[in-house]
Amino acid sequence: MGTVVLGIGNRLWADEGFGPAVVDRLQARADLPAGVEVLDGGTLGLYLLPHVQAARRLLVFDAVDFGHAPGHVVVLRDGEIPAFFGQRPLSLHQTGFTDVLAAAQLTGESPEAITLVGVQPERIDDWGGGLTDTMAAALPRAIDIGLAELAAWQAEGDRQ
C-alpha cells in the first residue's frame, strides 16, 4: 500500500473528534495524489494495525495535548513522535494509537515515514459536543500542512 492518511479520535467528545473531521474534509476532495487511502480510524485501536503495517507512508491527524494554547498545530515526524503523545484511552479496554505504532514496530512492518499533525484541543470532555470554534478554525491549517506533506512524499517517490 502507498500512503495512508488516518484521522483518529472520538467524534462524540468535542475536540477529540478532530482527526475524523479532517478525514471528512479530505474525502470530499478530488485532488488527492494517487495511491492515497484516507481512513477514519475513530477509536479502533489495535484494529488499525493492518493498515499501519501495510502503509509505506502514514499521515496521522489527531487532537493531542501538547500543553500549548488551544488550536496550536504541532507537526512531528518519525523519531520525533514520542512513545506516548497524549492520547488517553476512553475505557480500560481501549488501546492508544501509540500502542498500534509500537505493535507495528515489533512486527517489523512499520511505515517508512510517519507524520503526525496534532492540534491542541480546547475541550474534550464534552460528550455529544462537536468541535469547538478554536479547533474548527485549526482545520484548514492542519489540512494544508497534511497536503504539503503528501505532495513532498509524492515528489520524493517520483525521484526514486
C-alpha atoms as a PDB file:
ATOM      1  CA  MET A   1       0.000   0.000   0.000  1.00  0.00           C
ATOM      2  CA  GLY A   2       1.210   3.503  -0.681  1.00  0.00           C
ATOM      3  CA  THR A   3       0.181   6.255   1.666  1.00  0.00           C
ATOM      4  CA  VAL A   4      -2.430   6.079   4.403  1.00  0.00           C
ATOM      5  CA  VAL A   5      -3.977   9.216   5.877  1.00  0.00           C
ATOM      6  CA  LEU A   6      -5.523   8.387   9.211  1.00  0.00           C
ATOM      7  CA  GLY A   7      -7.746  10.575  11.344  1.00  0.00           C
ATOM      8  CA  ILE A   8      -8.070   9.240  14.858  1.00  0.00           C
ATOM      9  CA  GLY A   9     -10.355  10.306  17.664  1.00  0.00           C
ATOM     10  CA  ASN A  10     -13.862  10.129  19.016  1.00  0.00           C
ATOM     11  CA  ARG A  11     -16.409  12.307  17.212  1.00  0.00           C
ATOM     12  CA  LEU A  12     -18.631  12.293  20.284  1.00  0.00           C
ATOM     13  CA  TRP A  13     -16.126  14.028  22.583  1.00  0.00           C
ATOM     14  CA  ALA A  14     -15.851  17.622  21.327  1.00  0.00           C
ATOM     15  CA  ASP A  15     -12.315  18.378  20.086  1.00  0.00           C
ATOM     16  CA  GLU A  16     -11.342  14.703  20.341  1.00  0.00           C
ATOM     17  CA  GLY A  17     -13.181  14.372  17.005  1.00  0.00           C
ATOM     18  CA  PHE A  18     -10.583  16.484  15.198  1.00  0.00           C
ATOM     19  CA  GLY A  19      -8.971  13.586  13.290  1.00  0.00           C
ATOM     20  CA  PRO A  20     -12.243  12.262  11.877  1.00  0.00           C
ATOM     21  CA  ALA A  21     -13.272  15.842  10.945  1.00  0.00           C
ATOM     22  CA  VAL A  22     -10.080  16.167   8.878  1.00  0.00           C
ATOM     23  CA  VAL A  23     -10.853  12.853   7.163  1.00  0.00           C
ATOM     24  CA  ASP A  24     -14.342  14.086   6.252  1.00  0.00           C
ATOM     25  CA  ARG A  25     -12.846  17.111   4.522  1.00  0.00           C
ATOM     26  CA  LEU A  26     -10.120  15.153   2.757  1.00  0.00           C
ATOM     27  CA  GLN A  27     -12.530  12.501   1.478  1.00  0.00           C
ATOM     28  CA  ALA A  28     -14.550  15.287  -0.163  1.00  0.00           C
ATOM     29  CA  ARG A  29     -11.519  16.448  -2.182  1.00  0.00           C
ATOM     30  CA  ALA A  30     -10.841  15.282  -5.713  1.00  0.00           C
ATOM     31  CA  ASP A  31      -7.215  16.438  -5.813  1.00  0.00           C
ATOM     32  CA  LEU A  32      -5.519  13.938  -3.515  1.00  0.00           C
ATOM     33  CA  PRO A  33      -2.472  12.235  -5.034  1.00  0.00           C
ATOM     34  CA  ALA A  34      -2.943   8.772  -6.495  1.00  0.00           C
ATOM     35  CA  GLY A  35      -2.305   5.909  -4.123  1.00  0.00           C
ATOM     36  CA  VAL A  36      -3.529   7.765  -1.024  1.00  0.00           C
ATOM     37  CA  GLU A  37      -6.045   5.965   1.166  1.00  0.00           C
ATOM     38  CA  VAL A  38      -7.945   8.168   3.637  1.00  0.00           C
ATOM     39  CA  LEU A  39      -9.340   6.388   6.701  1.00  0.00           C
ATOM     40  CA  ASP A  40     -11.424   7.413   9.680  1.00  0.00           C
ATOM     41  CA  GLY A  41      -9.652   5.435  12.397  1.00  0.00           C
ATOM     42  CA  GLY A  42     -12.022   6.614  15.100  1.00  0.00           C
ATOM     43  CA  THR A  43     -11.151   4.768  18.297  1.00  0.00           C
ATOM     44  CA  LEU A  44     -10.426   1.413  16.665  1.00  0.00           C
ATOM     45  CA  GLY A  45      -7.096   0.951  18.450  1.00  0.00           C
ATOM     46  CA  LEU A  46      -5.325  -2.278  17.502  1.00  0.00           C
ATOM     47  CA  TYR A  47      -7.819  -2.917  14.694  1.00  0.00           C
ATOM     48  CA  LEU A  48      -5.843  -0.255  12.803  1.00  0.00           C
ATOM     49  CA  LEU A  49      -2.682  -2.362  12.919  1.00  0.00           C
ATOM     50  CA  PRO A  50      -3.093  -3.977   9.455  1.00  0.00           C
ATOM     51  CA  HIS A  51      -3.500  -0.533   7.853  1.00  0.00           C
ATOM     52  CA  VAL A  52      -0.429   0.810   9.642  1.00  0.00           C
ATOM     53  CA  GLN A  53       1.623  -2.281   8.780  1.00  0.00           C
ATOM     54  CA  ALA A  54       0.649  -2.102   5.114  1.00  0.00           C
ATOM     55  CA  ALA A  55       1.370   1.618   4.714  1.00  0.00           C
ATOM     56  CA  ARG A  56       4.594   2.796   3.154  1.00  0.00           C
ATOM     57  CA  ARG A  57       3.880   6.275   4.499  1.00  0.00           C
ATOM     58  CA  LEU A  58       1.473   7.234   7.277  1.00  0.00           C
ATOM     59  CA  LEU A  59      -0.014  10.675   7.880  1.00  0.00           C
ATOM     60  CA  VAL A  60      -1.942  10.924  11.159  1.00  0.00           C
ATOM     61  CA  PHE A  61      -4.286  13.699  12.286  1.00  0.00           C
ATOM     62  CA  ASP A  62      -5.247  13.827  15.958  1.00  0.00           C
ATOM     63  CA  ALA A  63      -6.138  16.105  18.843  1.00  0.00           C
ATOM     64  CA  VAL A  64      -3.074  15.951  21.089  1.00  0.00           C
ATOM     65  CA  ASP A  65      -2.426  17.607  24.428  1.00  0.00           C
ATOM     66  CA  PHE A  66       0.989  19.191  23.939  1.00  0.00           C
ATOM     67  CA  GLY A  67       0.384  21.768  26.659  1.00  0.00           C
ATOM     68  CA  HIS A  68       0.100  24.606  24.120  1.00  0.00           C
ATOM     69  CA  ALA A  69      -2.688  27.122  23.582  1.00  0.00           C
ATOM     70  CA  PRO A  70      -5.868  25.591  22.116  1.00  0.00           C
ATOM     71  CA  GLY A  71      -5.739  25.337  18.327  1.00  0.00           C
ATOM     72  CA  HIS A  72      -1.929  25.259  18.188  1.00  0.00           C
ATOM     73  CA  VAL A  73      -0.730  22.901  15.430  1.00  0.00           C
ATOM     74  CA  VAL A  74       2.326  20.698  16.003  1.00  0.00           C
ATOM     75  CA  VAL A  75       3.958  18.541  13.316  1.00  0.00           C
ATOM     76  CA  LEU A  76       6.125  15.609  14.360  1.00  0.00           C
ATOM     77  CA  ARG A  77       7.913  13.212  12.025  1.00  0.00           C
ATOM     78  CA  ASP A  78       9.238   9.711  12.531  1.00  0.00           C
ATOM     79  CA  GLY A  79      11.503   9.585  15.616  1.00  0.00           C
ATOM     80  CA  GLU A  80      10.135  12.906  16.889  1.00  0.00           C
ATOM     81  CA  ILE A  81       6.867  11.158  17.734  1.00  0.00           C
ATOM     82  CA  PRO A  82       7.122  10.208  21.406  1.00  0.00           C
ATOM     83  CA  ALA A  83       6.082   6.800  22.637  1.00  0.00           C
ATOM     84  CA  PHE A  84       3.099   8.498  24.257  1.00  0.00           C
ATOM     85  CA  PHE A  85       1.719  11.602  22.570  1.00  0.00           C
ATOM     86  CA  GLY A  86      -1.183  12.438  24.793  1.00  0.00           C
ATOM     87  CA  GLN A  87      -3.976  10.226  23.558  1.00  0.00           C
ATOM     88  CA  ARG A  88      -5.882   8.902  26.509  1.00  0.00           C
ATOM     89  CA  PRO A  89      -7.911   5.732  26.259  1.00  0.00           C
ATOM     90  CA  LEU A  90     -11.628   6.260  26.766  1.00  0.00           C
ATOM     91  CA  SER A  91     -12.040   2.924  28.538  1.00  0.00           C
ATOM     92  CA  LEU A  92      -9.837   0.326  30.176  1.00  0.00           C
ATOM     93  CA  HIS A  93     -10.362  -1.901  27.125  1.00  0.00           C
ATOM     94  CA  GLN A  94      -9.110   0.612  24.594  1.00  0.00           C
ATOM     95  CA  THR A  95      -5.541   0.992  23.402  1.00  0.00           C
ATOM     96  CA  GLY A  96      -3.899   4.239  22.419  1.00  0.00           C
ATOM     97  CA  PHE A  97      -2.633   4.836  18.907  1.00  0.00           C
ATOM     98  CA  THR A  98       0.932   4.714  20.168  1.00  0.00           C
ATOM     99  CA  ASP A  99       0.252   1.065  21.058  1.00  0.00           C
ATOM    100  CA  VAL A 100      -0.570   0.484  17.391  1.00  0.00           C
ATOM    101  CA  LEU A 101       2.696   2.122  16.289  1.00  0.00           C
ATOM    102  CA  ALA A 102       4.646   0.045  18.834  1.00  0.00           C
ATOM    103  CA  ALA A 103       2.972  -3.181  17.659  1.00  0.00           C
ATOM    104  CA  ALA A 104       3.841  -2.380  14.033  1.00  0.00           C
ATOM    105  CA  GLN A 105       7.475  -1.795  15.027  1.00  0.00           C
ATOM    106  CA  LEU A 106       7.562  -5.054  16.989  1.00  0.00           C
ATOM    107  CA  THR A 107       6.353  -6.996  13.958  1.00  0.00           C
ATOM    108  CA  GLY A 108       8.943  -5.311  11.744  1.00  0.00           C
ATOM    109  CA  GLU A 109       6.201  -3.949   9.495  1.00  0.00           C
ATOM    110  CA  SER A 110       6.131  -0.207  10.106  1.00  0.00           C
ATOM    111  CA  PRO A 111       5.800   2.609   7.612  1.00  0.00           C
ATOM    112  CA  GLU A 112       8.985   4.095   6.161  1.00  0.00           C
ATOM    113  CA  ALA A 113       7.730   7.541   7.125  1.00  0.00           C
ATOM    114  CA  ILE A 114       5.202   8.725   9.695  1.00  0.00           C
ATOM    115  CA  THR A 115       4.000  12.279  10.181  1.00  0.00           C
ATOM    116  CA  LEU A 116       1.686  13.364  12.975  1.00  0.00           C
ATOM    117  CA  VAL A 117      -0.265  16.587  12.576  1.00  0.00           C
ATOM    118  CA  GLY A 118      -1.543  17.215  16.076  1.00  0.00           C
ATOM    119  CA  VAL A 119      -3.686  20.082  17.257  1.00  0.00           C
ATOM    120  CA  GLN A 120      -4.018  21.174  20.862  1.00  0.00           C
ATOM    121  CA  PRO A 121      -7.645  20.652  21.929  1.00  0.00           C
ATOM    122  CA  GLU A 122      -9.629  23.225  23.843  1.00  0.00           C
ATOM    123  CA  ARG A 123     -12.225  20.831  25.239  1.00  0.00           C
ATOM    124  CA  ILE A 124     -12.531  17.071  25.010  1.00  0.00           C
ATOM    125  CA  ASP A 125     -14.775  16.276  27.958  1.00  0.00           C
ATOM    126  CA  ASP A 126     -17.983  17.422  26.279  1.00  0.00           C
ATOM    127  CA  TRP A 127     -19.881  14.233  25.488  1.00  0.00           C
ATOM    128  CA  GLY A 128     -22.043  14.827  22.440  1.00  0.00           C
ATOM    129  CA  GLY A 129     -20.441  18.155  21.620  1.00  0.00           C
ATOM    130  CA  GLY A 130     -18.794  18.936  18.321  1.00  0.00           C
ATOM    131  CA  LEU A 131     -15.521  20.692  17.672  1.00  0.00           C
ATOM    132  CA  THR A 132     -15.016  23.992  19.462  1.00  0.00           C
ATOM    133  CA  ASP A 133     -14.712  27.084  17.264  1.00  0.00           C
ATOM    134  CA  THR A 134     -10.979  27.167  18.039  1.00  0.00           C
ATOM    135  CA  MET A 135     -10.457  23.609  16.828  1.00  0.00           C
ATOM    136  CA  ALA A 136     -12.677  24.090  13.775  1.00  0.00           C
ATOM    137  CA  ALA A 137     -10.583  27.151  12.865  1.00  0.00           C
ATOM    138  CA  ALA A 138      -7.424  24.987  13.003  1.00  0.00           C
ATOM    139  CA  LEU A 139      -8.808  22.510  10.416  1.00  0.00           C
ATOM    140  CA  PRO A 140      -7.715  24.405   7.253  1.00  0.00           C
ATOM    141  CA  ARG A 141      -4.150  24.949   8.507  1.00  0.00           C
ATOM    142  CA  ALA A 142      -3.765  21.311   9.572  1.00  0.00           C
ATOM    143  CA  ILE A 143      -5.143  20.115   6.240  1.00  0.00           C
ATOM    144  CA  ASP A 144      -2.786  22.418   4.311  1.00  0.00           C
ATOM    145  CA  ILE A 145       0.157  21.010   6.285  1.00  0.00           C
ATOM    146  CA  GLY A 146      -1.001  17.465   5.549  1.00  0.00           C
ATOM    147  CA  LEU A 147      -1.450  18.178   1.835  1.00  0.00           C
ATOM    148  CA  ALA A 148       2.057  19.675   1.690  1.00  0.00           C
ATOM    149  CA  GLU A 149       3.405  16.519   3.341  1.00  0.00           C
ATOM    150  CA  LEU A 150       1.609  14.334   0.791  1.00  0.00           C
ATOM    151  CA  ALA A 151       2.996  16.449  -2.078  1.00  0.00           C
ATOM    152  CA  ALA A 152       6.533  16.169  -0.683  1.00  0.00           C
ATOM    153  CA  TRP A 153       6.183  12.392  -0.354  1.00  0.00           C
ATOM    154  CA  GLN A 154       4.865  12.163  -3.904  1.00  0.00           C
ATOM    155  CA  ALA A 155       7.751  14.273  -5.236  1.00  0.00           C
ATOM    156  CA  GLU A 156      10.203  12.105  -3.301  1.00  0.00           C
ATOM    157  CA  GLY A 157       8.621   8.965  -4.789  1.00  0.00           C
ATOM    158  CA  ASP A 158       8.877  10.418  -8.292  1.00  0.00           C
ATOM    159  CA  ARG A 159      12.639  10.914  -7.800  1.00  0.00           C
ATOM    160  CA  GLN A 160      13.189   7.317  -6.718  1.00  0.00           C
END
